């Protein structure tokens, strides 16, 4: 049985990625994560994209951890 990859949206913060994942650029080049759990930027302000560097905090980024309601 293989491990499951999970993606957890953090309220007002990054996406936490856990499990046996592989990160790739849009051109298919591997992005070294360097660890088993990573925080991916979703505010667009990180200087370390695709990884979160905490820039969302001083910027006041807001996003729920819950899915949007169907229209």
N, C-alpha and C. Protein backbone atom coordinates (compact mmCIF):
# COMPACT_ATOMS: atom_id res chain seq x y z
N UNK A 1 0.84 -1.18 0.00
CA UNK A 1 0.00 0.00 0.00
C UNK A 1 0.89 1.24 0.00
N UNK A 2 0.62 2.20 -0.89
CA UNK A 2 1.40 3.43 -0.95
C UNK A 2 0.81 4.48 -0.02
N UNK A 3 1.67 5.38 0.42
CA UNK A 3 1.25 6.47 1.26
C UNK A 3 0.41 7.45 0.45
N UNK A 4 -0.46 8.16 1.14
CA UNK A 4 -1.30 9.15 0.49
C UNK A 4 -0.66 10.52 0.62
N UNK A 5 -0.67 11.29 -0.45
CA UNK A 5 -0.21 12.67 -0.42
C UNK A 5 -1.39 13.52 0.03
N UNK A 6 -1.15 14.41 1.01
CA UNK A 6 -2.21 15.30 1.45
C UNK A 6 -1.80 16.74 1.20
N UNK A 7 -2.79 17.55 0.86
CA UNK A 7 -2.62 18.99 0.70
C UNK A 7 -3.61 19.65 1.65
N UNK A 8 -3.08 20.44 2.59
CA UNK A 8 -3.91 21.08 3.59
C UNK A 8 -3.80 22.59 3.45
N UNK A 9 -4.90 23.27 3.07
CA UNK A 9 -4.87 24.72 3.01
C UNK A 9 -4.94 25.29 4.43
N UNK A 10 -3.98 26.13 4.78
CA UNK A 10 -3.97 26.77 6.09
C UNK A 10 -4.69 28.10 5.99
N UNK A 11 -5.57 28.37 6.94
CA UNK A 11 -6.29 29.64 6.92
C UNK A 11 -5.30 30.80 6.90
N UNK A 12 -5.50 31.71 5.96
CA UNK A 12 -4.66 32.90 5.80
C UNK A 12 -3.19 32.56 5.57
N UNK A 13 -2.90 31.36 5.06
CA UNK A 13 -1.52 30.96 4.89
C UNK A 13 -1.30 30.01 3.73
N UNK A 14 -0.24 29.22 3.81
CA UNK A 14 0.18 28.37 2.70
C UNK A 14 -0.64 27.09 2.56
N UNK A 15 -0.29 26.33 1.55
CA UNK A 15 -0.77 24.97 1.38
C UNK A 15 0.31 24.05 1.93
N UNK A 16 -0.04 23.19 2.87
CA UNK A 16 0.92 22.22 3.40
C UNK A 16 0.80 20.94 2.60
N UNK A 17 1.92 20.49 2.08
CA UNK A 17 1.98 19.29 1.26
C UNK A 17 2.77 18.24 2.01
N UNK A 18 2.12 17.08 2.26
CA UNK A 18 2.75 16.00 3.01
C UNK A 18 2.59 14.69 2.25
N UNK A 19 3.61 13.86 2.32
CA UNK A 19 3.53 12.55 1.68
C UNK A 19 4.62 12.40 0.63
N UNK A 20 4.55 11.31 -0.14
CA UNK A 20 5.58 11.04 -1.15
C UNK A 20 5.32 11.81 -2.44
N UNK A 21 5.53 13.11 -2.40
CA UNK A 21 5.24 13.97 -3.54
C UNK A 21 6.49 14.27 -4.36
N UNK A 22 6.27 14.77 -5.56
CA UNK A 22 7.34 15.27 -6.41
C UNK A 22 6.88 16.61 -6.94
N UNK A 23 7.71 17.65 -6.79
CA UNK A 23 7.39 18.97 -7.31
C UNK A 23 8.11 19.16 -8.64
N UNK A 24 7.37 19.67 -9.62
CA UNK A 24 7.93 19.90 -10.95
C UNK A 24 7.59 21.31 -11.42
N UNK A 25 8.47 21.88 -12.25
CA UNK A 25 8.14 23.13 -12.92
C UNK A 25 7.14 22.80 -14.02
N UNK A 26 6.58 23.83 -14.64
CA UNK A 26 5.64 23.57 -15.74
C UNK A 26 6.33 22.93 -16.94
N UNK A 27 7.66 23.01 -16.97
CA UNK A 27 8.42 22.36 -18.04
C UNK A 27 8.89 20.96 -17.67
N UNK A 28 8.46 20.48 -16.50
CA UNK A 28 8.80 19.13 -16.09
C UNK A 28 10.11 18.98 -15.34
N UNK A 29 10.77 20.09 -15.03
CA UNK A 29 12.02 20.04 -14.26
C UNK A 29 11.70 19.84 -12.78
N UNK A 30 12.47 18.99 -12.15
CA UNK A 30 12.25 18.69 -10.73
C UNK A 30 12.64 19.88 -9.85
N UNK A 31 11.82 20.17 -8.85
CA UNK A 31 12.10 21.18 -7.84
C UNK A 31 12.41 20.43 -6.55
N UNK A 32 13.62 20.57 -6.05
CA UNK A 32 14.01 19.87 -4.83
C UNK A 32 13.32 20.49 -3.62
N UNK A 33 12.55 19.68 -2.93
CA UNK A 33 11.82 20.15 -1.75
C UNK A 33 12.72 20.16 -0.52
N UNK A 34 13.59 19.17 -0.41
CA UNK A 34 14.50 19.11 0.71
C UNK A 34 13.90 18.61 2.01
N UNK A 35 12.63 18.23 1.98
CA UNK A 35 11.98 17.69 3.18
C UNK A 35 10.69 16.98 2.80
N UNK A 36 10.12 16.25 3.76
CA UNK A 36 8.93 15.45 3.50
C UNK A 36 7.64 16.27 3.57
N UNK A 37 7.66 17.41 4.25
CA UNK A 37 6.52 18.30 4.34
C UNK A 37 6.97 19.68 3.90
N UNK A 38 6.22 20.30 3.00
CA UNK A 38 6.56 21.64 2.54
C UNK A 38 5.33 22.54 2.62
N UNK A 39 5.59 23.84 2.74
CA UNK A 39 4.53 24.85 2.71
C UNK A 39 4.66 25.56 1.37
N UNK A 40 3.61 25.48 0.56
CA UNK A 40 3.61 26.12 -0.75
C UNK A 40 2.88 27.46 -0.68
N UNK A 41 3.48 28.48 -1.26
CA UNK A 41 2.91 29.82 -1.27
C UNK A 41 1.59 29.84 -2.01
N UNK A 42 0.59 30.52 -1.46
CA UNK A 42 -0.62 30.77 -2.23
C UNK A 42 -1.00 32.24 -2.25
N UNK A 43 -0.18 33.10 -1.63
CA UNK A 43 -0.45 34.53 -1.68
C UNK A 43 0.23 35.19 -2.87
N UNK A 44 1.29 34.54 -3.41
CA UNK A 44 2.01 35.08 -4.54
C UNK A 44 3.12 36.05 -4.18
N UNK A 45 3.37 36.26 -2.89
CA UNK A 45 4.35 37.26 -2.46
C UNK A 45 5.68 36.68 -2.01
N UNK A 46 5.80 35.39 -1.89
CA UNK A 46 7.01 34.76 -1.39
C UNK A 46 8.21 35.02 -2.31
N UNK A 47 9.35 35.27 -1.71
CA UNK A 47 10.59 35.41 -2.47
C UNK A 47 11.22 34.04 -2.71
N UNK A 48 10.62 32.99 -2.18
CA UNK A 48 11.15 31.63 -2.30
C UNK A 48 10.18 30.72 -3.05
N UNK A 49 9.34 31.28 -3.94
CA UNK A 49 8.35 30.48 -4.65
C UNK A 49 8.97 29.25 -5.30
N UNK A 50 8.32 28.12 -5.26
CA UNK A 50 6.93 27.94 -4.89
C UNK A 50 6.72 27.78 -3.38
N UNK A 51 7.77 27.93 -2.60
CA UNK A 51 7.67 27.71 -1.16
C UNK A 51 7.25 28.98 -0.42
N UNK A 52 6.58 28.81 0.68
CA UNK A 52 6.14 29.92 1.52
C UNK A 52 7.33 30.44 2.33
N UNK A 53 7.44 31.76 2.42
CA UNK A 53 8.48 32.36 3.27
C UNK A 53 7.88 33.24 4.36
N UNK A 54 6.57 33.17 4.54
CA UNK A 54 5.90 33.95 5.57
C UNK A 54 5.47 35.33 5.12
N UNK A 55 5.67 35.68 3.86
CA UNK A 55 5.30 37.01 3.36
C UNK A 55 3.80 37.30 3.47
N UNK A 56 2.99 36.26 3.56
CA UNK A 56 1.54 36.45 3.67
C UNK A 56 1.15 37.17 4.95
N UNK A 57 1.93 37.00 6.01
CA UNK A 57 1.57 37.59 7.31
C UNK A 57 1.61 39.11 7.28
N UNK A 58 2.75 39.75 6.97
CA UNK A 58 2.75 41.21 6.96
C UNK A 58 1.87 41.81 5.85
N UNK A 59 1.60 41.04 4.80
CA UNK A 59 0.77 41.54 3.70
C UNK A 59 -0.71 41.47 4.02
N UNK A 60 -1.07 40.74 5.08
CA UNK A 60 -2.48 40.61 5.44
C UNK A 60 -3.26 39.69 4.52
N UNK A 61 -2.58 38.73 3.91
CA UNK A 61 -3.25 37.77 3.02
C UNK A 61 -4.37 37.06 3.77
N UNK A 62 -5.52 36.95 3.13
CA UNK A 62 -6.66 36.28 3.74
C UNK A 62 -7.19 35.21 2.79
N UNK A 63 -7.36 34.01 3.30
CA UNK A 63 -7.97 32.91 2.55
C UNK A 63 -8.44 31.89 3.56
N UNK A 64 -9.59 31.37 3.33
CA UNK A 64 -10.15 30.36 4.22
C UNK A 64 -9.46 29.01 4.00
N UNK A 65 -9.59 28.15 4.97
CA UNK A 65 -9.08 26.78 4.81
C UNK A 65 -10.19 25.86 4.32
N UNK A 66 -11.38 26.40 4.20
CA UNK A 66 -12.55 25.62 3.77
C UNK A 66 -12.76 25.78 2.26
N UNK A 67 -13.36 24.78 1.61
CA UNK A 67 -13.65 24.93 0.18
C UNK A 67 -14.74 25.98 -0.04
N UNK A 68 -14.74 26.59 -1.23
CA UNK A 68 -15.79 27.53 -1.60
C UNK A 68 -17.10 26.78 -1.70
N UNK A 69 -18.18 27.45 -1.39
CA UNK A 69 -19.51 26.86 -1.52
C UNK A 69 -19.87 26.81 -3.00
N UNK A 70 -20.58 25.74 -3.42
CA UNK A 70 -21.01 25.66 -4.81
C UNK A 70 -21.92 26.84 -5.14
N UNK A 71 -21.83 27.32 -6.37
CA UNK A 71 -22.65 28.48 -6.80
C UNK A 71 -24.08 28.10 -7.04
